[in-house]
């Protein structure tokens, strides 16, 4: 499962993926899939990892992305 967001604020395209059955990754480090960064609560890359089902994948990714931007821009 994948979702791509073209971020004007970060100046790059982010690809979110769920290669397995629950944990979600983002390619902030330039590496796809499980080689990417594992998303955690509050827009973080360390801490309590996020998981998503087929039904919640897009919402989890977009929510994490908004939280991540709030931290990066401030």
N, C-alpha and C. Protein backbone atom coordinates (compact mmCIF):
# COMPACT_ATOMS: atom_id res chain seq x y z
N UNK A 1 0.85 -1.17 0.00
CA UNK A 1 0.00 0.00 0.00
C UNK A 1 0.90 1.23 0.00
N UNK A 2 0.60 2.20 -0.86
CA UNK A 2 1.42 3.41 -0.97
C UNK A 2 0.57 4.66 -1.11
N UNK A 3 1.16 5.78 -0.67
CA UNK A 3 0.55 7.10 -0.83
C UNK A 3 1.70 8.07 -1.12
N UNK A 4 1.52 8.92 -2.12
CA UNK A 4 2.54 9.91 -2.48
C UNK A 4 1.99 11.31 -2.24
N UNK A 5 2.80 12.13 -1.58
CA UNK A 5 2.44 13.53 -1.32
C UNK A 5 3.57 14.40 -1.86
N UNK A 6 3.23 15.35 -2.72
CA UNK A 6 4.22 16.31 -3.21
C UNK A 6 4.22 17.50 -2.25
N UNK A 7 5.26 17.60 -1.45
CA UNK A 7 5.34 18.62 -0.42
C UNK A 7 6.06 19.86 -0.93
N UNK A 8 5.33 20.93 -1.07
CA UNK A 8 5.95 22.19 -1.47
C UNK A 8 6.77 22.76 -0.31
N UNK A 9 6.30 22.54 0.91
CA UNK A 9 7.00 23.09 2.08
C UNK A 9 8.35 22.42 2.31
N UNK A 10 8.45 21.13 2.00
CA UNK A 10 9.72 20.42 2.15
C UNK A 10 10.52 20.41 0.85
N UNK A 11 9.86 20.73 -0.24
CA UNK A 11 10.52 20.78 -1.53
C UNK A 11 10.85 19.41 -2.11
N UNK A 12 10.04 18.41 -1.77
CA UNK A 12 10.26 17.07 -2.32
C UNK A 12 8.99 16.25 -2.27
N UNK A 13 9.03 15.12 -2.93
CA UNK A 13 7.90 14.20 -2.92
C UNK A 13 8.15 13.12 -1.88
N UNK A 14 7.15 12.89 -1.04
CA UNK A 14 7.24 11.86 0.00
C UNK A 14 6.37 10.68 -0.40
N UNK A 15 6.91 9.49 -0.22
CA UNK A 15 6.14 8.27 -0.47
C UNK A 15 5.97 7.54 0.85
N UNK A 16 4.73 7.32 1.21
CA UNK A 16 4.38 6.58 2.42
C UNK A 16 4.05 5.16 1.99
N UNK A 17 4.48 4.18 2.77
CA UNK A 17 4.20 2.80 2.40
C UNK A 17 3.92 1.95 3.63
N UNK A 18 3.20 0.89 3.37
CA UNK A 18 2.93 -0.12 4.39
C UNK A 18 3.25 -1.47 3.76
N UNK A 19 4.54 -1.87 3.82
CA UNK A 19 4.95 -3.09 3.14
C UNK A 19 4.39 -4.37 3.78
N UNK A 20 4.12 -4.32 5.06
CA UNK A 20 3.58 -5.49 5.74
C UNK A 20 2.10 -5.34 6.01
N UNK A 21 1.68 -5.74 7.20
CA UNK A 21 0.27 -5.68 7.53
C UNK A 21 -0.11 -4.51 8.42
N UNK A 22 0.88 -3.79 9.00
CA UNK A 22 0.47 -2.72 9.89
C UNK A 22 1.40 -1.52 9.94
N UNK A 23 2.71 -1.68 10.08
CA UNK A 23 3.60 -0.55 10.29
C UNK A 23 3.77 0.30 9.04
N UNK A 24 3.87 1.62 9.24
CA UNK A 24 3.91 2.57 8.14
C UNK A 24 5.29 3.24 8.08
N UNK A 25 5.80 3.41 6.86
CA UNK A 25 7.11 4.00 6.64
C UNK A 25 6.99 5.19 5.69
N UNK A 26 7.98 6.10 5.78
CA UNK A 26 8.06 7.25 4.87
C UNK A 26 9.50 7.37 4.39
N UNK A 27 9.67 7.77 3.14
CA UNK A 27 11.01 7.80 2.54
C UNK A 27 11.74 9.13 2.75
N UNK A 28 11.70 9.70 3.93
CA UNK A 28 12.40 10.95 4.22
C UNK A 28 13.91 10.81 4.08
N UNK A 29 14.44 9.62 4.29
CA UNK A 29 15.88 9.41 4.18
C UNK A 29 16.29 9.04 2.76
N UNK A 30 15.35 9.08 1.83
CA UNK A 30 15.64 8.78 0.44
C UNK A 30 15.58 7.31 0.09
N UNK A 31 15.19 6.48 1.05
CA UNK A 31 15.10 5.04 0.82
C UNK A 31 13.65 4.58 0.93
N UNK A 32 13.20 3.72 0.02
CA UNK A 32 11.80 3.30 0.01
C UNK A 32 11.51 2.14 0.96
N UNK A 33 10.23 1.92 1.18
CA UNK A 33 9.76 0.75 1.94
C UNK A 33 10.34 0.65 3.33
N UNK A 34 10.71 -0.56 3.75
CA UNK A 34 11.20 -0.78 5.11
C UNK A 34 12.58 -0.18 5.34
N UNK A 35 13.24 0.29 4.29
CA UNK A 35 14.52 0.98 4.45
C UNK A 35 14.30 2.45 4.78
N UNK A 36 13.07 2.92 4.62
CA UNK A 36 12.72 4.30 4.95
C UNK A 36 12.58 4.48 6.45
N UNK A 37 12.17 5.67 6.84
CA UNK A 37 11.97 5.98 8.26
C UNK A 37 10.61 5.47 8.71
N UNK A 38 10.58 4.86 9.89
CA UNK A 38 9.32 4.38 10.44
C UNK A 38 8.63 5.53 11.16
N UNK A 39 7.37 5.74 10.84
CA UNK A 39 6.61 6.85 11.40
C UNK A 39 6.18 6.54 12.83
N UNK A 40 6.30 7.57 13.69
CA UNK A 40 5.91 7.43 15.09
C UNK A 40 4.93 8.54 15.46
N UNK A 41 4.30 8.39 16.60
CA UNK A 41 3.28 9.34 17.04
C UNK A 41 3.82 10.75 17.11
N UNK A 42 2.95 11.72 16.83
CA UNK A 42 3.28 13.13 16.96
C UNK A 42 4.18 13.68 15.87
N UNK A 43 4.24 13.01 14.72
CA UNK A 43 5.08 13.50 13.64
C UNK A 43 6.55 13.20 13.84
N UNK A 44 6.85 12.29 14.73
CA UNK A 44 8.23 11.94 15.06
C UNK A 44 8.70 10.74 14.25
N UNK A 45 10.01 10.50 14.29
CA UNK A 45 10.61 9.33 13.65
C UNK A 45 11.15 8.35 14.68
N UNK A 46 11.02 8.71 15.95
CA UNK A 46 11.39 7.81 17.04
C UNK A 46 10.29 7.87 18.08
N UNK A 47 10.03 6.75 18.73
CA UNK A 47 8.99 6.71 19.74
C UNK A 47 8.01 5.60 19.49
N UNK A 48 6.75 5.86 19.76
CA UNK A 48 5.68 4.87 19.57
C UNK A 48 5.33 4.79 18.09
N UNK A 49 5.62 3.65 17.48
CA UNK A 49 5.40 3.50 16.05
C UNK A 49 3.91 3.48 15.70
N UNK A 50 3.62 3.98 14.51
CA UNK A 50 2.24 4.02 14.03
C UNK A 50 1.96 2.80 13.16
N UNK A 51 0.75 2.34 13.25
CA UNK A 51 0.29 1.27 12.37
C UNK A 51 -1.02 1.70 11.74
N UNK A 52 -1.35 1.06 10.63
CA UNK A 52 -2.57 1.43 9.91
C UNK A 52 -3.15 0.21 9.22
N UNK A 53 -4.45 0.18 9.14
CA UNK A 53 -5.15 -0.86 8.39
C UNK A 53 -5.39 -0.34 6.98
N UNK A 54 -5.97 -1.16 6.14
CA UNK A 54 -6.31 -0.72 4.79
C UNK A 54 -7.23 0.51 4.83
N UNK A 55 -8.14 0.52 5.79
CA UNK A 55 -9.13 1.60 5.89
C UNK A 55 -8.56 2.90 6.46
N UNK A 56 -7.50 2.81 7.28
CA UNK A 56 -6.98 4.00 7.95
C UNK A 56 -5.65 4.49 7.40
N UNK A 57 -5.08 3.79 6.44
CA UNK A 57 -3.73 4.10 5.94
C UNK A 57 -3.58 5.56 5.51
N UNK A 58 -4.43 6.04 4.63
CA UNK A 58 -4.31 7.41 4.12
C UNK A 58 -4.48 8.44 5.24
N UNK A 59 -5.45 8.25 6.12
CA UNK A 59 -5.67 9.19 7.23
C UNK A 59 -4.47 9.24 8.16
N UNK A 60 -3.89 8.08 8.48
CA UNK A 60 -2.72 8.01 9.36
C UNK A 60 -1.54 8.75 8.72
N UNK A 61 -1.32 8.53 7.44
CA UNK A 61 -0.21 9.18 6.73
C UNK A 61 -0.37 10.69 6.69
N UNK A 62 -1.55 11.16 6.34
CA UNK A 62 -1.78 12.60 6.22
C UNK A 62 -1.71 13.29 7.59
N UNK A 63 -2.22 12.63 8.62
CA UNK A 63 -2.16 13.18 9.97
C UNK A 63 -0.70 13.28 10.45
N UNK A 64 0.07 12.22 10.21
CA UNK A 64 1.48 12.23 10.59
C UNK A 64 2.22 13.34 9.85
N UNK A 65 1.96 13.48 8.55
CA UNK A 65 2.61 14.49 7.72
C UNK A 65 2.34 15.90 8.26
N UNK A 66 1.10 16.19 8.62
CA UNK A 66 0.77 17.51 9.18
C UNK A 66 1.52 17.75 10.49
N UNK A 67 1.59 16.74 11.34
CA UNK A 67 2.32 16.87 12.60
C UNK A 67 3.81 17.07 12.35
N UNK A 68 4.34 16.35 11.39
CA UNK A 68 5.76 16.46 11.05
C UNK A 68 6.08 17.87 10.54
N UNK A 69 5.22 18.42 9.69
CA UNK A 69 5.43 19.78 9.18
C UNK A 69 5.40 20.81 10.30
N UNK A 70 4.50 20.67 11.24
CA UNK A 70 4.44 21.61 12.36
C UNK A 70 5.76 21.64 13.12
N UNK A 71 6.39 20.49 13.28
CA UNK A 71 7.67 20.42 14.00
C UNK A 71 8.82 20.97 13.16
N UNK A 72 8.83 20.65 11.89
CA UNK A 72 9.93 21.05 11.00
C UNK A 72 9.92 22.54 10.70
N UNK A 73 8.76 23.12 10.58
CA UNK A 73 8.65 24.53 10.20
C UNK A 73 8.83 25.44 11.40
N UNK A 74 8.47 25.00 12.58
CA UNK A 74 8.62 25.84 13.79
C UNK A 74 9.99 25.78 14.35
